[in-house]
PDB file of N, CA and C in Angstrom:
ATOM      1  N   MET A   1      59.944 109.388  76.674  1.00  0.00           N
ATOM      2  CA  MET A   1      60.125 108.400  77.728  1.00  0.00           C
ATOM      3  C   MET A   1      58.969 107.398  77.655  1.00  0.00           C
ATOM      4  N   PRO A   2      59.259 106.121  77.794  1.00  0.00           N
ATOM      5  CA  PRO A   2      58.196 105.118  77.710  1.00  0.00           C
ATOM      6  C   PRO A   2      57.272 105.187  78.922  1.00  0.00           C
ATOM      7  N   ARG A   3      56.050 104.755  78.689  1.00  0.00           N
ATOM      8  CA  ARG A   3      55.077 104.729  79.778  1.00  0.00           C
ATOM      9  C   ARG A   3      55.255 103.460  80.596  1.00  0.00           C
ATOM     10  N   PRO A   4      55.092 103.566  81.906  1.00  0.00           N
ATOM     11  CA  PRO A   4      55.177 102.364  82.749  1.00  0.00           C
ATOM     12  C   PRO A   4      53.918 101.509  82.567  1.00  0.00           C
ATOM     13  N   TYR A   5      54.022 100.270  82.955  1.00  0.00           N
ATOM     14  CA  TYR A   5      52.864  99.387  82.901  1.00  0.00           C
ATOM     15  C   TYR A   5      51.871  99.828  83.974  1.00  0.00           C
ATOM     16  N   SER A   6      50.605  99.896  83.619  1.00  0.00           N
ATOM     17  CA  SER A   6      49.592 100.335  84.578  1.00  0.00           C
ATOM     18  C   SER A   6      49.297  99.236  85.589  1.00  0.00           C
ATOM     19  N   ASP A   7      48.813  99.648  86.742  1.00  0.00           N
ATOM     20  CA  ASP A   7      48.427  98.672  87.769  1.00  0.00           C
ATOM     21  C   ASP A   7      47.322  97.758  87.255  1.00  0.00           C
ATOM     22  N   MET A   8      46.394  98.324  86.488  1.00  0.00           N
ATOM     23  CA  MET A   8      45.295  97.510  85.944  1.00  0.00           C
ATOM     24  C   MET A   8      45.846  96.430  85.010  1.00  0.00           C
ATOM     25  N   TYR A   9      46.798  96.810  84.153  1.00  0.00           N
ATOM     26  CA  TYR A   9      47.382  95.827  83.246  1.00  0.00           C
ATOM     27  C   TYR A   9      48.152  94.754  84.017  1.00  0.00           C
ATOM     28  N   LEU A  10      48.910  95.166  85.012  1.00  0.00           N
ATOM     29  CA  LEU A  10      49.684  94.206  85.804  1.00  0.00           C
ATOM     30  C   LEU A  10      48.767  93.201  86.504  1.00  0.00           C
ATOM     31  N   ARG A  11      47.633  93.678  87.017  1.00  0.00           N
ATOM     32  CA  ARG A  11      46.669  92.764  87.657  1.00  0.00           C
ATOM     33  C   ARG A  11      46.084  91.804  86.634  1.00  0.00           C
ATOM     34  N   SER A  12      45.708  92.318  85.459  1.00  0.00           N
ATOM     35  CA  SER A  12      45.116  91.445  84.443  1.00  0.00           C
ATOM     36  C   SER A  12      46.135  90.439  83.923  1.00  0.00           C
ATOM     37  N   LEU A  13      47.385  90.841  83.810  1.00  0.00           N
ATOM     38  CA  LEU A  13      48.429  89.926  83.357  1.00  0.00           C
ATOM     39  C   LEU A  13      48.654  88.810  84.374  1.00  0.00           C
ATOM     40  N   SER A  14      48.615  89.148  85.642  1.00  0.00           N
ATOM     41  CA  SER A  14      48.839  88.122  86.671  1.00  0.00           C
ATOM     42  C   SER A  14      47.676  87.144  86.759  1.00  0.00           C
ATOM     43  N   ARG A  15      46.490  87.567  86.328  1.00  0.00           N
ATOM     44  CA  ARG A  15      45.307  86.705  86.414  1.00  0.00           C
ATOM     45  C   ARG A  15      45.003  85.943  85.140  1.00  0.00           C
ATOM     46  N   THR A  16      45.669  86.277  84.049  1.00  0.00           N
ATOM     47  CA  THR A  16      45.315  85.663  82.771  1.00  0.00           C
ATOM     48  C   THR A  16      45.645  84.172  82.745  1.00  0.00           C
ATOM     49  N   SER A  17      44.793  83.437  82.063  1.00  0.00           N
ATOM     50  CA  SER A  17      45.048  82.001  81.886  1.00  0.00           C
ATOM     51  C   SER A  17      45.553  81.715  80.476  1.00  0.00           C
ATOM     52  N   LEU A  18      45.661  82.762  79.641  1.00  0.00           N
ATOM     53  CA  LEU A  18      46.196  82.586  78.292  1.00  0.00           C
ATOM     54  C   LEU A  18      47.672  82.222  78.365  1.00  0.00           C
ATOM     55  N   ALA A  19      48.081  81.364  77.470  1.00  0.00           N
ATOM     56  CA  ALA A  19      49.480  80.940  77.449  1.00  0.00           C
ATOM     57  C   ALA A  19      50.060  81.146  76.054  1.00  0.00           C
ATOM     58  N   THR A  20      49.895  82.352  75.522  1.00  0.00           N
ATOM     59  CA  THR A  20      50.432  82.647  74.199  1.00  0.00           C
ATOM     60  C   THR A  20      51.879  83.113  74.321  1.00  0.00           C
ATOM     61  N   LEU A  21      52.582  83.092  73.209  1.00  0.00           N
ATOM     62  CA  LEU A  21      53.961  83.564  73.191  1.00  0.00           C
ATOM     63  C   LEU A  21      54.021  85.046  73.592  1.00  0.00           C
ATOM     64  N   GLY A  22      53.039  85.818  73.153  1.00  0.00           N
ATOM     65  CA  GLY A  22      53.000  87.239  73.494  1.00  0.00           C
ATOM     66  C   GLY A  22      52.794  87.482  74.978  1.00  0.00           C
ATOM     67  N   ILE A  23      51.946  86.683  75.602  1.00  0.00           N
ATOM     68  CA  ILE A  23      51.718  86.802  77.052  1.00  0.00           C
ATOM     69  C   ILE A  23      52.989  86.421  77.801  1.00  0.00           C
ATOM     70  N   GLU A  24      53.660  85.378  77.350  1.00  0.00           N
ATOM     71  CA  GLU A  24      54.917  84.976  77.992  1.00  0.00           C
ATOM     72  C   GLU A  24      55.966  86.083  77.864  1.00  0.00           C
ATOM     73  N   LEU A  25      56.031  86.710  76.689  1.00  0.00           N
ATOM     74  CA  LEU A  25      56.942  87.832  76.489  1.00  0.00           C
ATOM     75  C   LEU A  25      56.580  88.974  77.439  1.00  0.00           C
ATOM     76  N   ALA A  26      55.302  89.262  77.554  1.00  0.00           N
ATOM     77  CA  ALA A  26      54.850  90.329  78.454  1.00  0.00           C
ATOM     78  C   ALA A  26      55.282  90.062  79.885  1.00  0.00           C
ATOM     79  N   LYS A  27      55.078  88.848  80.350  1.00  0.00           N
ATOM     80  CA  LYS A  27      55.433  88.514  81.738  1.00  0.00           C
ATOM     81  C   LYS A  27      56.930  88.691  81.980  1.00  0.00           C
ATOM     82  N   VAL A  28      57.741  88.293  81.019  1.00  0.00           N
ATOM     83  CA  VAL A  28      59.190  88.431  81.153  1.00  0.00           C
ATOM     84  C   VAL A  28      59.582  89.910  81.144  1.00  0.00           C
ATOM     85  N   CYS A  29      58.987  90.679  80.256  1.00  0.00           N
ATOM     86  CA  CYS A  29      59.324  92.102  80.164  1.00  0.00           C
ATOM     87  C   CYS A  29      58.904  92.862  81.418  1.00  0.00           C
ATOM     88  N   VAL A  30      57.731  92.531  81.956  1.00  0.00           N
ATOM     89  CA  VAL A  30      57.279  93.171  83.199  1.00  0.00           C
ATOM     90  C   VAL A  30      58.220  92.801  84.334  1.00  0.00           C
ATOM     91  N   LYS A  31      58.565  91.531  84.422  1.00  0.00           N
ATOM     92  CA  LYS A  31      59.467  91.058  85.481  1.00  0.00           C
ATOM     93  C   LYS A  31      60.821  91.770  85.429  1.00  0.00           C
ATOM     94  N   CYS A  32      61.299  92.053  84.225  1.00  0.00           N
ATOM     95  CA  CYS A  32      62.627  92.638  84.046  1.00  0.00           C
ATOM     96  C   CYS A  32      62.608  94.151  83.901  1.00  0.00           C
ATOM     97  N   ASN A  33      61.409  94.750  83.977  1.00  0.00           N
ATOM     98  CA  ASN A  33      61.265  96.207  83.889  1.00  0.00           C
ATOM     99  C   ASN A  33      61.674  96.739  82.515  1.00  0.00           C
ATOM    100  N   LEU A  34      61.300  96.001  81.464  1.00  0.00           N
ATOM    101  CA  LEU A  34      61.619  96.395  80.097  1.00  0.00           C
ATOM    102  C   LEU A  34      60.364  96.981  79.439  1.00  0.00           C
ATOM    103  N   PRO A  35      60.353  98.287  79.151  1.00  0.00           N
ATOM    104  CA  PRO A  35      59.174  98.933  78.581  1.00  0.00           C
ATOM    105  C   PRO A  35      58.822  98.420  77.183  1.00  0.00           C
ATOM    106  N   MET A  36      57.534  98.375  76.934  1.00  0.00           N
ATOM    107  CA  MET A  36      56.993  97.900  75.668  1.00  0.00           C
ATOM    108  C   MET A  36      57.587  98.656  74.472  1.00  0.00           C
ATOM    109  N   ALA A  37      57.748  99.958  74.593  1.00  0.00           N
ATOM    110  CA  ALA A  37      58.256 100.761  73.475  1.00  0.00           C
ATOM    111  C   ALA A  37      59.668 100.334  73.074  1.00  0.00           C
ATOM    112  N   TYR A  38      60.504 100.050  74.050  1.00  0.00           N
ATOM    113  CA  TYR A  38      61.874  99.639  73.751  1.00  0.00           C
ATOM    114  C   TYR A  38      61.925  98.201  73.231  1.00  0.00           C
ATOM    115  N   VAL A  39      61.039  97.374  73.711  1.00  0.00           N
ATOM    116  CA  VAL A  39      60.946  95.999  73.205  1.00  0.00           C
ATOM    117  C   VAL A  39      60.552  96.030  71.732  1.00  0.00           C
ATOM    118  N   ALA A  40      59.624  96.911  71.379  1.00  0.00           N
ATOM    119  CA  ALA A  40      59.181  97.040  69.990  1.00  0.00           C
ATOM    120  C   ALA A  40      60.348  97.416  69.074  1.00  0.00           C
ATOM    121  N   VAL A  41      61.137  98.384  69.496  1.00  0.00           N
ATOM    122  CA  VAL A  41      62.299  98.807  68.690  1.00  0.00           C
ATOM    123  C   VAL A  41      63.274  97.645  68.536  1.00  0.00           C
ATOM    124  N   THR A  42      63.529  96.941  69.619  1.00  0.00           N
ATOM    125  CA  THR A  42      64.462  95.816  69.597  1.00  0.00           C
ATOM    126  C   THR A  42      64.008  94.730  68.629  1.00  0.00           C
ATOM    127  N   LEU A  43      62.697  94.487  68.584  1.00  0.00           N
ATOM    128  CA  LEU A  43      62.158  93.448  67.717  1.00  0.00           C
ATOM    129  C   LEU A  43      61.865  93.934  66.300  1.00  0.00           C
ATOM    130  N   GLY A  44      61.968  95.240  66.076  1.00  0.00           N
ATOM    131  CA  GLY A  44      61.716  95.778  64.741  1.00  0.00           C
ATOM    132  C   GLY A  44      60.251  95.798  64.361  1.00  0.00           C
ATOM    133  N   VAL A  45      59.375  96.005  65.347  1.00  0.00           N
ATOM    134  CA  VAL A  45      57.935  96.078  65.110  1.00  0.00           C
ATOM    135  C   VAL A  45      57.398  97.345  65.777  1.00  0.00           C
ATOM    136  N   SER A  46      56.137  97.634  65.547  1.00  0.00           N
ATOM    137  CA  SER A  46      55.538  98.829  66.144  1.00  0.00           C
ATOM    138  C   SER A  46      55.142  98.580  67.601  1.00  0.00           C
ATOM    139  N   LYS A  47      54.967  99.699  68.333  1.00  0.00           N
ATOM    140  CA  LYS A  47      54.496  99.593  69.714  1.00  0.00           C
ATOM    141  C   LYS A  47      53.103  98.962  69.748  1.00  0.00           C
ATOM    142  N   THR A  48      52.285  99.267  68.763  1.00  0.00           N
ATOM    143  CA  THR A  48      50.938  98.693  68.699  1.00  0.00           C
ATOM    144  C   THR A  48      50.998  97.185  68.551  1.00  0.00           C
ATOM    145  N   THR A  49      51.929  96.705  67.766  1.00  0.00           N
ATOM    146  CA  THR A  49      52.083  95.256  67.588  1.00  0.00           C
ATOM    147  C   THR A  49      52.439  94.600  68.910  1.00  0.00           C
ATOM    148  N   VAL A  50      53.404  95.145  69.618  1.00  0.00           N
ATOM    149  CA  VAL A  50      53.799  94.582  70.908  1.00  0.00           C
ATOM    150  C   VAL A  50      52.645  94.692  71.903  1.00  0.00           C
ATOM    151  N   TYR A  51      51.943  95.814  71.893  1.00  0.00           N
ATOM    152  CA  TYR A  51      50.777  96.005  72.750  1.00  0.00           C
ATOM    153  C   TYR A  51      49.776  94.868  72.518  1.00  0.00           C
ATOM    154  N   ASN A  52      49.482  94.565  71.266  1.00  0.00           N
ATOM    155  CA  ASN A  52      48.542  93.488  70.947  1.00  0.00           C
ATOM    156  C   ASN A  52      49.069  92.128  71.389  1.00  0.00           C
ATOM    157  N   TRP A  53      50.350  91.873  71.178  1.00  0.00           N
ATOM    158  CA  TRP A  53      50.936  90.610  71.627  1.00  0.00           C
ATOM    159  C   TRP A  53      50.817  90.463  73.132  1.00  0.00           C
ATOM    160  N   PHE A  54      51.108  91.558  73.854  1.00  0.00           N
ATOM    161  CA  PHE A  54      51.069  91.532  75.317  1.00  0.00           C
ATOM    162  C   PHE A  54      49.655  91.271  75.838  1.00  0.00           C
ATOM    163  N   ARG A  55      48.661  91.467  75.008  1.00  0.00           N
ATOM    164  CA  ARG A  55      47.280  91.247  75.410  1.00  0.00           C
ATOM    165  C   ARG A  55      46.693  89.976  74.816  1.00  0.00           C
ATOM    166  N   GLY A  56      47.553  89.129  74.254  1.00  0.00           N
ATOM    167  CA  GLY A  56      47.121  87.804  73.832  1.00  0.00           C
ATOM    168  C   GLY A  56      46.899  87.595  72.358  1.00  0.00           C
ATOM    169  N   SER A  57      47.067  88.627  71.532  1.00  0.00           N
ATOM    170  CA  SER A  57      46.920  88.439  70.084  1.00  0.00           C
ATOM    171  C   SER A  57      48.026  87.524  69.579  1.00  0.00           C
ATOM    172  N   GLY A  58      47.721  86.831  68.519  1.00  0.00           N
ATOM    173  CA  GLY A  58      48.702  85.920  67.945  1.00  0.00           C
ATOM    174  C   GLY A  58      49.885  86.649  67.338  1.00  0.00           C
ATOM    175  N   ILE A  59      51.001  85.977  67.338  1.00  0.00           N
ATOM    176  CA  ILE A  59      52.220  86.504  66.725  1.00  0.00           C
ATOM    177  C   ILE A  59      52.419  85.768  65.405  1.00  0.00           C
ATOM    178  N   ARG A  60      52.605  86.540  64.339  1.00  0.00           N
ATOM    179  CA  ARG A  60      52.841  85.911  63.043  1.00  0.00           C
ATOM    180  C   ARG A  60      54.051  85.000  63.112  1.00  0.00           C
ATOM    181  N   GLU A  61      53.970  83.922  62.375  1.00  0.00           N
ATOM    182  CA  GLU A  61      55.049  82.930  62.349  1.00  0.00           C
ATOM    183  C   GLU A  61      56.399  83.564  62.011  1.00  0.00           C
ATOM    184  N   SER A  62      56.390  84.578  61.155  1.00  0.00           N
ATOM    185  CA  SER A  62      57.642  85.220  60.739  1.00  0.00           C
ATOM    186  C   SER A  62      58.342  85.943  61.896  1.00  0.00           C
ATOM    187  N   TYR A  63      57.631  86.213  62.995  1.00  0.00           N
ATOM    188  CA  TYR A  63      58.224  86.885  64.146  1.00  0.00           C
ATOM    189  C   TYR A  63      58.547  85.933  65.304  1.00  0.00           C
ATOM    190  N   HIS A  64      58.089  84.710  65.226  1.00  0.00           N
ATOM    191  CA  HIS A  64      58.294  83.762  66.331  1.00  0.00           C
ATOM    192  C   HIS A  64      59.762  83.606  66.706  1.00  0.00           C
ATOM    193  N   ALA A  65      60.616  83.386  65.737  1.00  0.00           N
ATOM    194  CA  ALA A  65      62.039  83.158  66.027  1.00  0.00           C
ATOM    195  C   ALA A  65      62.656  84.382  66.704  1.00  0.00           C
ATOM    196  N   ARG A  66      62.294  85.556  66.239  1.00  0.00           N
ATOM    197  CA  ARG A  66      62.803  86.805  66.803  1.00  0.00           C
ATOM    198  C   ARG A  66      62.409  86.947  68.274  1.00  0.00           C
ATOM    199  N   VAL A  67      61.129  86.705  68.551  1.00  0.00           N
ATOM    200  CA  VAL A  67      60.619  86.819  69.924  1.00  0.00           C
ATOM    201  C   VAL A  67      61.270  85.761  70.815  1.00  0.00           C
ATOM    202  N   GLU A  68      61.380  84.550  70.320  1.00  0.00           N
ATOM    203  CA  GLU A  68      61.998  83.476  71.107  1.00  0.00           C
ATOM    204  C   GLU A  68      63.469  83.768  71.386  1.00  0.00           C
ATOM    205  N   ARG A  69      64.192  84.335  70.399  1.00  0.00           N
ATOM    206  CA  ARG A  69      65.594  84.719  70.626  1.00  0.00           C
ATOM    207  C   ARG A  69      65.697  85.755  71.736  1.00  0.00           C
ATOM    208  N   LEU A  70      64.831  86.758  71.677  1.00  0.00           N
ATOM    209  CA  LEU A  70      64.852  87.791  72.714  1.00  0.00           C
ATOM    210  C   LEU A  70      64.550  87.187  74.080  1.00  0.00           C
ATOM    211  N   MET A  71      63.570  86.318  74.157  1.00  0.00           N
ATOM    212  CA  MET A  71      63.217  85.699  75.436  1.00  0.00           C
ATOM    213  C   MET A  71      64.357  84.828  75.964  1.00  0.00           C
ATOM    214  N   ASN A  72      65.071  84.158  75.082  1.00  0.00           N
ATOM    215  CA  ASN A  72      66.224  83.354  75.511  1.00  0.00           C
ATOM    216  C   ASN A  72      67.350  84.230  76.052  1.00  0.00           C
ATOM    217  N   ILE A  73      67.610  85.332  75.379  1.00  0.00           N
ATOM    218  CA  ILE A  73      68.642  86.266  75.848  1.00  0.00           C
ATOM    219  C   ILE A  73      68.265  86.817  77.216  1.00  0.00           C
ATOM    220  N   ILE A  74      67.007  87.214  77.355  1.00  0.00           N
ATOM    221  CA  ILE A  74      66.530  87.748  78.634  1.00  0.00           C
ATOM    222  C   ILE A  74      66.669  86.706  79.733  1.00  0.00           C
ATOM    223  N   ALA A  75      66.293  85.464  79.454  1.00  0.00           N
ATOM    224  CA  ALA A  75      66.396  84.388  80.455  1.00  0.00           C
ATOM    225  C   ALA A  75      67.848  84.198  80.895  1.00  0.00           C
ATOM    226  N   GLN A  76      68.770  84.222  79.946  1.00  0.00           N
ATOM    227  CA  GLN A  76      70.188  84.083  80.283  1.00  0.00           C
ATOM    228  C   GLN A  76      70.663  85.248  81.150  1.00  0.00           C
ATOM    229  N   ASP A  77      70.204  86.441  80.824  1.00  0.00           N
ATOM    230  CA  ASP A  77      70.631  87.622  81.581  1.00  0.00           C
ATOM    231  C   ASP A  77      69.985  87.685  82.963  1.00  0.00           C
ATOM    232  N   ILE A  78      68.818  87.100  83.123  1.00  0.00           N
ATOM    233  CA  ILE A  78      68.229  86.975  84.454  1.00  0.00           C
ATOM    234  C   ILE A  78      69.120  86.059  85.296  1.00  0.00           C
ATOM    235  N   ASP A  79      69.527  84.930  84.704  1.00  0.00           N
ATOM    236  CA  ASP A  79      70.400  83.978  85.406  1.00  0.00           C
ATOM    237  C   ASP A  79      71.743  84.601  85.783  1.00  0.00           C
ATOM    238  N   LYS A  80      72.254  85.493  84.928  1.00  0.00           N
ATOM    239  CA  LYS A  80      73.544  86.152  85.187  1.00  0.00           C
ATOM    240  C   LYS A  80      73.417  87.311  86.178  1.00  0.00           C
ATOM    241  N   GLY A  81      72.184  87.719  86.479  1.00  0.00           N
ATOM    242  CA  GLY A  81      71.973  88.840  87.385  1.00  0.00           C
ATOM    243  C   GLY A  81      71.992  90.199  86.716  1.00  0.00           C
ATOM    244  N   VAL A  82      71.992  90.212  85.388  1.00  0.00           N
ATOM    245  CA  VAL A  82      71.984  91.463  84.640  1.00  0.00           C
ATOM    246  C   VAL A  82      70.599  92.121  84.708  1.00  0.00           C
ATOM    247  N   LEU A  83      69.576  91.313  84.745  1.00  0.00           N
ATOM    248  CA  LEU A  83      68.195  91.778  84.801  1.00  0.00           C
ATOM    249  C   LEU A  83      67.577  91.405  86.131  1.00  0.00           C
ATOM    250  N   PRO A  84      66.617  92.163  86.624  1.00  0.00           N
ATOM    251  CA  PRO A  84      65.917  93.273  86.008  1.00  0.00           C
ATOM    252  C   PRO A  84      66.735  94.561  86.032  1.00  0.00           C
ATOM    253  N   VAL A  85      66.379  95.466  85.122  1.00  0.00           N
ATOM    254  CA  VAL A  85      67.044  96.768  85.070  1.00  0.00           C
ATOM    255  C   VAL A  85      66.394  97.707  86.076  1.00  0.00           C
ATOM    256  N   SER A  86      67.088  98.802  86.366  1.00  0.00           N
ATOM    257  CA  SER A  86      66.629  99.716  87.404  1.00  0.00           C
ATOM    258  C   SER A  86      65.622 100.749  86.926  1.00  0.00           C
ATOM    259  N   GLY A  87      65.559 101.024  85.646  1.00  0.00           N
ATOM    260  CA  GLY A  87      64.636 102.039  85.155  1.00  0.00           C
ATOM    261  C   GLY A  87      64.693 102.162  83.648  1.00  0.00           C
ATOM    262  N   PRO A  88      63.961 103.137  83.094  1.00  0.00           N
ATOM    263  CA  PRO A  88      63.878 103.292  81.638  1.00  0.00           C
ATOM    264  C   PRO A  88      65.214 103.510  80.944  1.00  0.00           C
ATOM    265  N   LYS A  89      66.098 104.313  81.529  1.00  0.00           N
ATOM    266  CA  LYS A  89      67.407 104.546  80.892  1.00  0.00           C
ATOM    267  C   LYS A  89      68.212 103.260  80.813  1.00  0.00           C
ATOM    268  N   ALA A  90      68.203 102.501  81.893  1.00  0.00           N
ATOM    269  CA  ALA A  90      68.929 101.230  81.906  1.00  0.00           C
ATOM    270  C   ALA A  90      68.295 100.236  80.940  1.00  0.00           C
ATOM    271  N   ALA A  91      66.975 100.262  80.835  1.00  0.00           N
ATOM    272  CA  ALA A  91      66.271  99.370  79.905  1.00  0.00           C
ATOM    273  C   ALA A  91      66.638  99.697  78.464  1.00  0.00           C
ATOM    274  N   LYS A  92      66.651 100.989  78.153  1.00  0.00           N
ATOM    275  CA  LYS A  92      67.005 101.404  76.796  1.00  0.00           C
ATOM    276  C   LYS A  92      68.433 100.998  76.467  1.00  0.00           C
ATOM    277  N   LYS A  93      69.332 101.207  77.392  1.00  0.00           N
ATOM    278  CA  LYS A  93      70.735 100.831  77.185  1.00  0.00           C
ATOM    279  C   LYS A  93      70.863  99.316  77.005  1.00  0.00           C
ATOM    280  N   TYR A  94      70.181  98.557  77.850  1.00  0.00           N
ATOM    281  CA  TYR A  94      70.241  97.096  77.766  1.00  0.00           C
ATOM    282  C   TYR A  94      69.717  96.616  76.413  1.00  0.00           C
ATOM    283  N   LEU A  95      68.515  97.058  76.043  1.00  0.00           N
ATOM    284  CA  LEU A  95      67.897  96.562  74.812  1.00  0.00           C
ATOM    285  C   LEU A  95      68.610  97.061  73.564  1.00  0.00           C
ATOM    286  N   SER A  96      69.157  98.273  73.600  1.00  0.00           N
ATOM    287  CA  SER A  96      69.867  98.769  72.415  1.00  0.00           C
ATOM    288  C   SER A  96      71.187  98.028  72.226  1.00  0.00           C
ATOM    289  N   GLY A  97      71.687  97.411  73.288  1.00  0.00           N
ATOM    290  CA  GLY A  97      72.933  96.662  73.190  1.00  0.00           C
ATOM    291  C   GLY A  97      72.777  95.240  72.678  1.00  0.00           C
ATOM    292  N   LEU A  98      71.529  94.804  72.499  1.00  0.00           N
ATOM    293  CA  LEU A  98      71.311  93.430  72.019  1.00  0.00           C
ATOM    294  C   LEU A  98      71.510  93.368  70.515  1.00  0.00           C
ATOM    295  N   ARG A  99      72.255  92.396  70.089  1.00  0.00           N
ATOM    296  CA  ARG A  99      72.495  92.213  68.664  1.00  0.00           C
ATOM    297  C   ARG A  99      71.988  90.820  68.271  1.00  0.00           C
ATOM    298  N   GLY A 100      71.547  90.695  67.039  1.00  0.00           N
ATOM    299  CA  GLY A 100      71.129  89.397  66.547  1.00  0.00           C
ATOM    300  C   GLY A 100      69.696  89.027  66.847  1.00  0.00           C
ATOM    301  N   VAL A 101      68.936  89.919  67.460  1.00  0.00           N
ATOM    302  CA  VAL A 101      67.544  89.606  67.784  1.00  0.00           C
ATOM    303  C   VAL A 101      66.675  89.703  66.537  1.00  0.00           C
ATOM    304  N   LYS A 102      66.939  90.710  65.722  1.00  0.00           N
ATOM    305  CA  LYS A 102      66.103  90.929  64.542  1.00  0.00           C
ATOM    306  C   LYS A 102      66.329  89.878  63.453  1.00  0.00           C
ATOM    307  N   GLY A 103      67.366  89.091  63.603  1.00  0.00           N
ATOM    308  CA  GLY A 103      67.566  88.012  62.647  1.00  0.00           C
ATOM    309  C   GLY A 103      68.469  88.389  61.573  1.00  0.00           C
TER     310      GLY A 103
END
């Protein structure tokens, strides 16, 4: 089972002034209750990679399109009322159902 976002991380994320693609992804995932571990699987990268992105590390150019596609899908599903999900099981089901994210 994925670990929830810690209160310390949530506070630091809300206070950050960084505007990287990884930080934007983190904010969307936190808002929608999508665990980092499942996001990593969806994007075809390691949990450590997503962890680093969520903390402001740069995203390699080869992953930009993938991350942007996922963020666009999430934005559309927020508008449709599909997101946020209710918990880890719903998050896993939602993210495993996404096709075309990996490119």
